[in-house]
């Protein structure tokens, strides 16, 4: 039996309010997982062409009123 089937079978026997808690928890885990996925994992999935484009974009530096901006955090801090 797969994990998803096990979750389904066990959840069928829960009262409505507890089943809602399970759904909320699953949503929480999904959001947590999506937001904390390391960038390095994403880079591993790139094709060679995408990797080359990413490397070119990574080298771009923006000049903001005579002051270069090296990263997004710095750019947001200057707003």
PDB file of N, CA and C in Angstrom:
ATOM      1  N   UNK A   1       0.854  -1.180   0.000  1.00  0.00           N
ATOM      2  CA  UNK A   1       0.000   0.000   0.000  1.00  0.00           C
ATOM      3  C   UNK A   1       0.896   1.238   0.000  1.00  0.00           C
ATOM      4  N   UNK A   2       0.569   2.199  -0.855  1.00  0.00           N
ATOM      5  CA  UNK A   2       1.364   3.425  -0.928  1.00  0.00           C
ATOM      6  C   UNK A   2       1.068   4.323   0.267  1.00  0.00           C
ATOM      7  N   UNK A   3       1.956   5.258   0.513  1.00  0.00           N
ATOM      8  CA  UNK A   3       1.752   6.198   1.623  1.00  0.00           C
ATOM      9  C   UNK A   3       0.475   7.013   1.444  1.00  0.00           C
ATOM     10  N   UNK A   4       0.222   7.450   0.229  1.00  0.00           N
ATOM     11  CA  UNK A   4      -0.978   8.256   0.004  1.00  0.00           C
ATOM     12  C   UNK A   4      -2.246   7.453   0.299  1.00  0.00           C
ATOM     13  N   UNK A   5      -2.232   6.172  -0.027  1.00  0.00           N
ATOM     14  CA  UNK A   5      -3.396   5.326   0.283  1.00  0.00           C
ATOM     15  C   UNK A   5      -3.530   5.111   1.792  1.00  0.00           C
ATOM     16  N   UNK A   6      -2.384   4.956   2.468  1.00  0.00           N
ATOM     17  CA  UNK A   6      -2.421   4.797   3.922  1.00  0.00           C
ATOM     18  C   UNK A   6      -2.994   6.045   4.589  1.00  0.00           C
ATOM     19  N   UNK A   7      -2.560   7.209   4.116  1.00  0.00           N
ATOM     20  CA  UNK A   7      -3.081   8.467   4.667  1.00  0.00           C
ATOM     21  C   UNK A   7      -4.586   8.548   4.435  1.00  0.00           C
ATOM     22  N   UNK A   8      -4.994   8.198   3.224  1.00  0.00           N
ATOM     23  CA  UNK A   8      -6.422   8.224   2.897  1.00  0.00           C
ATOM     24  C   UNK A   8      -7.217   7.290   3.799  1.00  0.00           C
ATOM     25  N   UNK A   9      -6.761   6.063   3.922  1.00  0.00           N
ATOM     26  CA  UNK A   9      -7.497   5.075   4.715  1.00  0.00           C
ATOM     27  C   UNK A   9      -7.611   5.503   6.179  1.00  0.00           C
ATOM     28  N   UNK A  10      -6.524   5.979   6.742  1.00  0.00           N
ATOM     29  CA  UNK A  10      -6.560   6.396   8.142  1.00  0.00           C
ATOM     30  C   UNK A  10      -7.427   7.641   8.330  1.00  0.00           C
ATOM     31  N   UNK A  11      -7.376   8.551   7.362  1.00  0.00           N
ATOM     32  CA  UNK A  11      -8.154   9.791   7.502  1.00  0.00           C
ATOM     33  C   UNK A  11      -9.663   9.547   7.399  1.00  0.00           C
ATOM     34  N   UNK A  12     -10.067   8.463   6.750  1.00  0.00           N
ATOM     35  CA  UNK A  12     -11.498   8.164   6.621  1.00  0.00           C
ATOM     36  C   UNK A  12     -12.159   7.936   7.977  1.00  0.00           C
ATOM     37  N   UNK A  13     -11.392   7.547   8.973  1.00  0.00           N
ATOM     38  CA  UNK A  13     -11.948   7.219  10.284  1.00  0.00           C
ATOM     39  C   UNK A  13     -11.866   8.387  11.281  1.00  0.00           C
ATOM     40  N   UNK A  14     -11.413   9.532  10.802  1.00  0.00           N
ATOM     41  CA  UNK A  14     -11.294  10.694  11.689  1.00  0.00           C
ATOM     42  C   UNK A  14     -12.593  11.489  11.720  1.00  0.00           C
ATOM     43  N   UNK A  15     -12.874  12.118  12.858  1.00  0.00           N
ATOM     44  CA  UNK A  15     -13.995  13.060  12.886  1.00  0.00           C
ATOM     45  C   UNK A  15     -13.683  14.244  11.955  1.00  0.00           C
ATOM     46  N   UNK A  16     -14.711  14.942  11.545  1.00  0.00           N
ATOM     47  CA  UNK A  16     -14.569  16.033  10.574  1.00  0.00           C
ATOM     48  C   UNK A  16     -13.538  17.077  11.000  1.00  0.00           C
ATOM     49  N   UNK A  17     -13.572  17.490  12.259  1.00  0.00           N
ATOM     50  CA  UNK A  17     -12.640  18.536  12.705  1.00  0.00           C
ATOM     51  C   UNK A  17     -11.195  18.048  12.677  1.00  0.00           C
ATOM     52  N   UNK A  18     -10.962  16.782  12.998  1.00  0.00           N
ATOM     53  CA  UNK A  18      -9.610  16.227  12.959  1.00  0.00           C
ATOM     54  C   UNK A  18      -9.136  16.044  11.516  1.00  0.00           C
ATOM     55  N   UNK A  19     -10.032  15.672  10.642  1.00  0.00           N
ATOM     56  CA  UNK A  19      -9.685  15.535   9.228  1.00  0.00           C
ATOM     57  C   UNK A  19      -9.257  16.895   8.666  1.00  0.00           C
ATOM     58  N   UNK A  20      -9.943  17.954   9.094  1.00  0.00           N
ATOM     59  CA  UNK A  20      -9.568  19.304   8.657  1.00  0.00           C
ATOM     60  C   UNK A  20      -8.179  19.676   9.169  1.00  0.00           C
ATOM     61  N   UNK A  21      -7.849  19.257  10.387  1.00  0.00           N
ATOM     62  CA  UNK A  21      -6.508  19.500  10.927  1.00  0.00           C
ATOM     63  C   UNK A  21      -5.446  18.803  10.080  1.00  0.00           C
ATOM     64  N   UNK A  22      -5.750  17.600   9.633  1.00  0.00           N
ATOM     65  CA  UNK A  22      -4.814  16.856   8.787  1.00  0.00           C
ATOM     66  C   UNK A  22      -4.600  17.607   7.477  1.00  0.00           C
ATOM     67  N   UNK A  23      -5.673  18.087   6.882  1.00  0.00           N
ATOM     68  CA  UNK A  23      -5.565  18.846   5.636  1.00  0.00           C
ATOM     69  C   UNK A  23      -4.738  20.109   5.856  1.00  0.00           C
ATOM     70  N   UNK A  24      -5.008  20.811   6.951  1.00  0.00           N
ATOM     71  CA  UNK A  24      -4.237  22.018   7.261  1.00  0.00           C
ATOM     72  C   UNK A  24      -2.754  21.701   7.430  1.00  0.00           C
ATOM     73  N   UNK A  25      -2.465  20.591   8.092  1.00  0.00           N
ATOM     74  CA  UNK A  25      -1.079  20.200   8.306  1.00  0.00           C
ATOM     75  C   UNK A  25      -0.397  19.837   6.985  1.00  0.00           C
ATOM     76  N   UNK A  26      -1.097  19.124   6.130  1.00  0.00           N
ATOM     77  CA  UNK A  26      -0.538  18.775   4.823  1.00  0.00           C
ATOM     78  C   UNK A  26      -0.265  20.043   4.023  1.00  0.00           C
ATOM     79  N   UNK A  27      -1.201  20.999   4.042  1.00  0.00           N
ATOM     80  CA  UNK A  27      -0.987  22.274   3.353  1.00  0.00           C
ATOM     81  C   UNK A  27       0.227  22.997   3.920  1.00  0.00           C
ATOM     82  N   UNK A  28       0.366  22.986   5.234  1.00  0.00           N
ATOM     83  CA  UNK A  28       1.518  23.599   5.881  1.00  0.00           C
ATOM     84  C   UNK A  28       2.811  22.958   5.388  1.00  0.00           C
ATOM     85  N   UNK A  29       2.856  21.642   5.351  1.00  0.00           N
ATOM     86  CA  UNK A  29       4.060  20.945   4.896  1.00  0.00           C
ATOM     87  C   UNK A  29       4.368  21.242   3.433  1.00  0.00           C
ATOM     88  N   UNK A  30       3.326  21.305   2.616  1.00  0.00           N
ATOM     89  CA  UNK A  30       3.537  21.623   1.204  1.00  0.00           C
ATOM     90  C   UNK A  30       4.115  23.018   1.041  1.00  0.00           C
ATOM     91  N   UNK A  31       3.570  23.987   1.754  1.00  0.00           N
ATOM     92  CA  UNK A  31       4.077  25.356   1.662  1.00  0.00           C
ATOM     93  C   UNK A  31       5.489  25.450   2.202  1.00  0.00           C
ATOM     94  N   UNK A  32       5.740  24.779   3.311  1.00  0.00           N
ATOM     95  CA  UNK A  32       7.073  24.796   3.916  1.00  0.00           C
ATOM     96  C   UNK A  32       8.087  24.186   2.961  1.00  0.00           C
ATOM     97  N   UNK A  33       7.732  23.089   2.351  1.00  0.00           N
ATOM     98  CA  UNK A  33       8.628  22.407   1.426  1.00  0.00           C
ATOM     99  C   UNK A  33       8.908  23.269   0.206  1.00  0.00           C
ATOM    100  N   UNK A  34       7.874  23.890  -0.358  1.00  0.00           N
ATOM    101  CA  UNK A  34       8.052  24.719  -1.542  1.00  0.00           C
ATOM    102  C   UNK A  34       8.931  25.925  -1.254  1.00  0.00           C
ATOM    103  N   UNK A  35       8.766  26.532  -0.090  1.00  0.00           N
ATOM    104  CA  UNK A  35       9.500  27.751   0.229  1.00  0.00           C
ATOM    105  C   UNK A  35      10.918  27.505   0.689  1.00  0.00           C
ATOM    106  N   UNK A  36      11.239  26.313   1.121  1.00  0.00           N
ATOM    107  CA  UNK A  36      12.574  26.069   1.651  1.00  0.00           C
ATOM    108  C   UNK A  36      13.417  25.206   0.725  1.00  0.00           C
ATOM    109  N   UNK A  37      12.944  24.976  -0.463  1.00  0.00           N
ATOM    110  CA  UNK A  37      13.710  24.158  -1.399  1.00  0.00           C
ATOM    111  C   UNK A  37      15.005  24.891  -1.747  1.00  0.00           C
ATOM    112  N   UNK A  38      16.143  24.289  -1.479  1.00  0.00           N
ATOM    113  CA  UNK A  38      17.409  24.964  -1.765  1.00  0.00           C
ATOM    114  C   UNK A  38      17.565  25.268  -3.242  1.00  0.00           C
ATOM    115  N   UNK A  39      18.148  26.399  -3.547  1.00  0.00           N
ATOM    116  CA  UNK A  39      18.365  26.799  -4.932  1.00  0.00           C
ATOM    117  C   UNK A  39      19.241  25.782  -5.647  1.00  0.00           C
ATOM    118  N   UNK A  40      20.213  25.216  -4.943  1.00  0.00           N
ATOM    119  CA  UNK A  40      21.114  24.258  -5.566  1.00  0.00           C
ATOM    120  C   UNK A  40      20.361  23.081  -6.170  1.00  0.00           C
ATOM    121  N   UNK A  41      19.291  22.622  -5.521  1.00  0.00           N
ATOM    122  CA  UNK A  41      18.499  21.518  -6.071  1.00  0.00           C
ATOM    123  C   UNK A  41      17.856  21.931  -7.384  1.00  0.00           C
ATOM    124  N   UNK A  42      17.396  23.173  -7.451  1.00  0.00           N
ATOM    125  CA  UNK A  42      16.785  23.675  -8.686  1.00  0.00           C
ATOM    126  C   UNK A  42      17.818  23.725  -9.803  1.00  0.00           C
ATOM    127  N   UNK A  43      19.030  24.135  -9.455  1.00  0.00           N
ATOM    128  CA  UNK A  43      20.080  24.236 -10.463  1.00  0.00           C
ATOM    129  C   UNK A  43      20.450  22.878 -11.029  1.00  0.00           C
ATOM    130  N   UNK A  44      20.356  21.847 -10.222  1.00  0.00           N
ATOM    131  CA  UNK A  44      20.700  20.510 -10.697  1.00  0.00           C
ATOM    132  C   UNK A  44      19.765  20.042 -11.804  1.00  0.00           C
ATOM    133  N   UNK A  45      18.549  20.562 -11.816  1.00  0.00           N
ATOM    134  CA  UNK A  45      17.553  20.132 -12.797  1.00  0.00           C
ATOM    135  C   UNK A  45      17.660  20.898 -14.121  1.00  0.00           C
ATOM    136  N   UNK A  46      18.549  21.877 -14.199  1.00  0.00           N
ATOM    137  CA  UNK A  46      18.664  22.679 -15.412  1.00  0.00           C
ATOM    138  C   UNK A  46      19.364  21.909 -16.530  1.00  0.00           C
ATOM    139  N   UNK A  47      18.932  22.195 -17.746  1.00  0.00           N
ATOM    140  CA  UNK A  47      19.628  21.656 -18.909  1.00  0.00           C
ATOM    141  C   UNK A  47      20.931  22.430 -19.070  1.00  0.00           C
ATOM    142  N   UNK A  48      21.876  21.934 -19.850  1.00  0.00           N
ATOM    143  CA  UNK A  48      23.121  22.682 -20.057  1.00  0.00           C
ATOM    144  C   UNK A  48      22.883  24.095 -20.603  1.00  0.00           C
ATOM    145  N   UNK A  49      21.909  24.244 -21.490  1.00  0.00           N
ATOM    146  CA  UNK A  49      21.602  25.559 -22.051  1.00  0.00           C
ATOM    147  C   UNK A  49      21.045  26.489 -20.970  1.00  0.00           C
ATOM    148  N   UNK A  50      20.157  25.949 -20.138  1.00  0.00           N
ATOM    149  CA  UNK A  50      19.595  26.754 -19.053  1.00  0.00           C
ATOM    150  C   UNK A  50      20.678  27.131 -18.050  1.00  0.00           C
ATOM    151  N   UNK A  51      21.580  26.209 -17.775  1.00  0.00           N
ATOM    152  CA  UNK A  51      22.679  26.461 -16.843  1.00  0.00           C
ATOM    153  C   UNK A  51      23.578  27.590 -17.361  1.00  0.00           C
ATOM    154  N   UNK A  52      23.878  27.555 -18.667  1.00  0.00           N
ATOM    155  CA  UNK A  52      24.699  28.599 -19.272  1.00  0.00           C
ATOM    156  C   UNK A  52      24.012  29.958 -19.158  1.00  0.00           C
ATOM    157  N   UNK A  53      22.705  29.986 -19.431  1.00  0.00           N
ATOM    158  CA  UNK A  53      21.951  31.239 -19.313  1.00  0.00           C
ATOM    159  C   UNK A  53      21.938  31.721 -17.871  1.00  0.00           C
ATOM    160  N   UNK A  54      21.748  30.816 -16.932  1.00  0.00           N
ATOM    161  CA  UNK A  54      21.745  31.173 -15.509  1.00  0.00           C
ATOM    162  C   UNK A  54      23.088  31.758 -15.105  1.00  0.00           C
ATOM    163  N   UNK A  55      24.178  31.144 -15.554  1.00  0.00           N
ATOM    164  CA  UNK A  55      25.510  31.645 -15.227  1.00  0.00           C
ATOM    165  C   UNK A  55      25.719  33.054 -15.773  1.00  0.00           C
ATOM    166  N   UNK A  56      25.211  33.317 -16.990  1.00  0.00           N
ATOM    167  CA  UNK A  56      25.322  34.671 -17.567  1.00  0.00           C
ATOM    168  C   UNK A  56      24.515  35.666 -16.749  1.00  0.00           C
ATOM    169  N   UNK A  57      23.296  35.300 -16.393  1.00  0.00           N
ATOM    170  CA  UNK A  57      22.453  36.196 -15.607  1.00  0.00           C
ATOM    171  C   UNK A  57      23.027  36.448 -14.219  1.00  0.00           C
ATOM    172  N   UNK A  58      23.682  35.456 -13.668  1.00  0.00           N
ATOM    173  CA  UNK A  58      24.255  35.590 -12.329  1.00  0.00           C
ATOM    174  C   UNK A  58      25.373  36.619 -12.287  1.00  0.00           C
ATOM    175  N   UNK A  59      25.987  36.894 -13.430  1.00  0.00           N
ATOM    176  CA  UNK A  59      27.101  37.844 -13.490  1.00  0.00           C
ATOM    177  C   UNK A  59      26.635  39.288 -13.684  1.00  0.00           C
ATOM    178  N   UNK A  60      25.364  39.496 -13.952  1.00  0.00           N
ATOM    179  CA  UNK A  60      24.841  40.843 -14.204  1.00  0.00           C
ATOM    180  C   UNK A  60      24.839  41.644 -12.911  1.00  0.00           C
ATOM    181  N   UNK A  61      25.367  42.837 -12.981  1.00  0.00           N
ATOM    182  CA  UNK A  61      25.360  43.766 -11.853  1.00  0.00           C
ATOM    183  C   UNK A  61      24.699  45.051 -12.315  1.00  0.00           C
ATOM    184  N   UNK A  62      23.810  45.587 -11.520  1.00  0.00           N
ATOM    185  CA  UNK A  62      23.054  46.785 -11.874  1.00  0.00           C
ATOM    186  C   UNK A  62      23.680  48.002 -11.217  1.00  0.00           C
ATOM    187  N   UNK A  63      23.818  49.069 -11.988  1.00  0.00           N
ATOM    188  CA  UNK A  63      24.347  50.312 -11.455  1.00  0.00           C
ATOM    189  C   UNK A  63      23.158  51.197 -11.062  1.00  0.00           C
ATOM    190  N   UNK A  64      23.042  51.513  -9.805  1.00  0.00           N
ATOM    191  CA  UNK A  64      21.926  52.295  -9.285  1.00  0.00           C
ATOM    192  C   UNK A  64      22.455  53.634  -8.792  1.00  0.00           C
ATOM    193  N   UNK A  65      22.303  54.669  -9.611  1.00  0.00           N
ATOM    194  CA  UNK A  65      22.770  56.016  -9.273  1.00  0.00           C
ATOM    195  C   UNK A  65      24.239  56.014  -8.874  1.00  0.00           C
ATOM    196  N   UNK A  66      25.049  55.342  -9.676  1.00  0.00           N
ATOM    197  CA  UNK A  66      26.482  55.335  -9.427  1.00  0.00           C
ATOM    198  C   UNK A  66      26.958  54.306  -8.428  1.00  0.00           C
ATOM    199  N   UNK A  67      26.045  53.589  -7.819  1.00  0.00           N
ATOM    200  CA  UNK A  67      26.426  52.577  -6.831  1.00  0.00           C
ATOM    201  C   UNK A  67      25.992  51.212  -7.355  1.00  0.00           C
ATOM    202  N   UNK A  68      26.939  50.302  -7.570  1.00  0.00           N
ATOM    203  CA  UNK A  68      26.543  48.974  -8.061  1.00  0.00           C
ATOM    204  C   UNK A  68      25.749  48.209  -7.012  1.00  0.00           C
ATOM    205  N   UNK A  69      24.759  47.470  -7.487  1.00  0.00           N
ATOM    206  CA  UNK A  69      23.949  46.629  -6.605  1.00  0.00           C
ATOM    207  C   UNK A  69      24.360  45.189  -6.866  1.00  0.00           C
ATOM    208  N   UNK A  70      24.870  44.540  -5.852  1.00  0.00           N
ATOM    209  CA  UNK A  70      25.402  43.197  -6.005  1.00  0.00           C
ATOM    210  C   UNK A  70      24.362  42.101  -5.827  1.00  0.00           C
ATOM    211  N   UNK A  71      23.337  42.354  -5.017  1.00  0.00           N
ATOM    212  CA  UNK A  71      22.362  41.290  -4.781  1.00  0.00           C
ATOM    213  C   UNK A  71      20.988  41.871  -4.475  1.00  0.00           C
ATOM    214  N   UNK A  72      19.980  41.000  -4.471  1.00  0.00           N
ATOM    215  CA  UNK A  72      18.594  41.409  -4.284  1.00  0.00           C
ATOM    216  C   UNK A  72      18.352  42.054  -2.928  1.00  0.00           C
ATOM    217  N   UNK A  73      18.958  41.520  -1.874  1.00  0.00           N
ATOM    218  CA  UNK A  73      18.747  42.079  -0.541  1.00  0.00           C
ATOM    219  C   UNK A  73      19.217  43.514  -0.482  1.00  0.00           C
ATOM    220  N   UNK A  74      20.369  43.766  -1.089  1.00  0.00           N
ATOM    221  CA  UNK A  74      20.902  45.122  -1.107  1.00  0.00           C
ATOM    222  C   UNK A  74      19.985  46.044  -1.912  1.00  0.00           C
ATOM    223  N   UNK A  75      19.489  45.547  -3.046  1.00  0.00           N
ATOM    224  CA  UNK A  75      18.590  46.347  -3.874  1.00  0.00           C
ATOM    225  C   UNK A  75      17.315  46.710  -3.107  1.00  0.00           C
ATOM    226  N   UNK A  76      16.758  45.753  -2.401  1.00  0.00           N
ATOM    227  CA  UNK A  76      15.541  46.018  -1.624  1.00  0.00           C
ATOM    228  C   UNK A  76      15.797  46.974  -0.482  1.00  0.00           C
ATOM    229  N   UNK A  77      16.989  46.920   0.086  1.00  0.00           N
ATOM    230  CA  UNK A  77      17.319  47.816   1.186  1.00  0.00           C
ATOM    231  C   UNK A  77      17.439  49.260   0.714  1.00  0.00           C
ATOM    232  N   UNK A  78      17.748  49.478  -0.550  1.00  0.00           N
ATOM    233  CA  UNK A  78      17.917  50.835  -1.091  1.00  0.00           C
ATOM    234  C   UNK A  78      16.599  51.491  -1.496  1.00  0.00           C
ATOM    235  N   UNK A  79      15.522  50.785  -1.468  1.00  0.00           N
ATOM    236  CA  UNK A  79      14.228  51.362  -1.886  1.00  0.00           C
ATOM    237  C   UNK A  79      13.799  52.468  -0.975  1.00  0.00           C
TER     238      UNK A  79
END
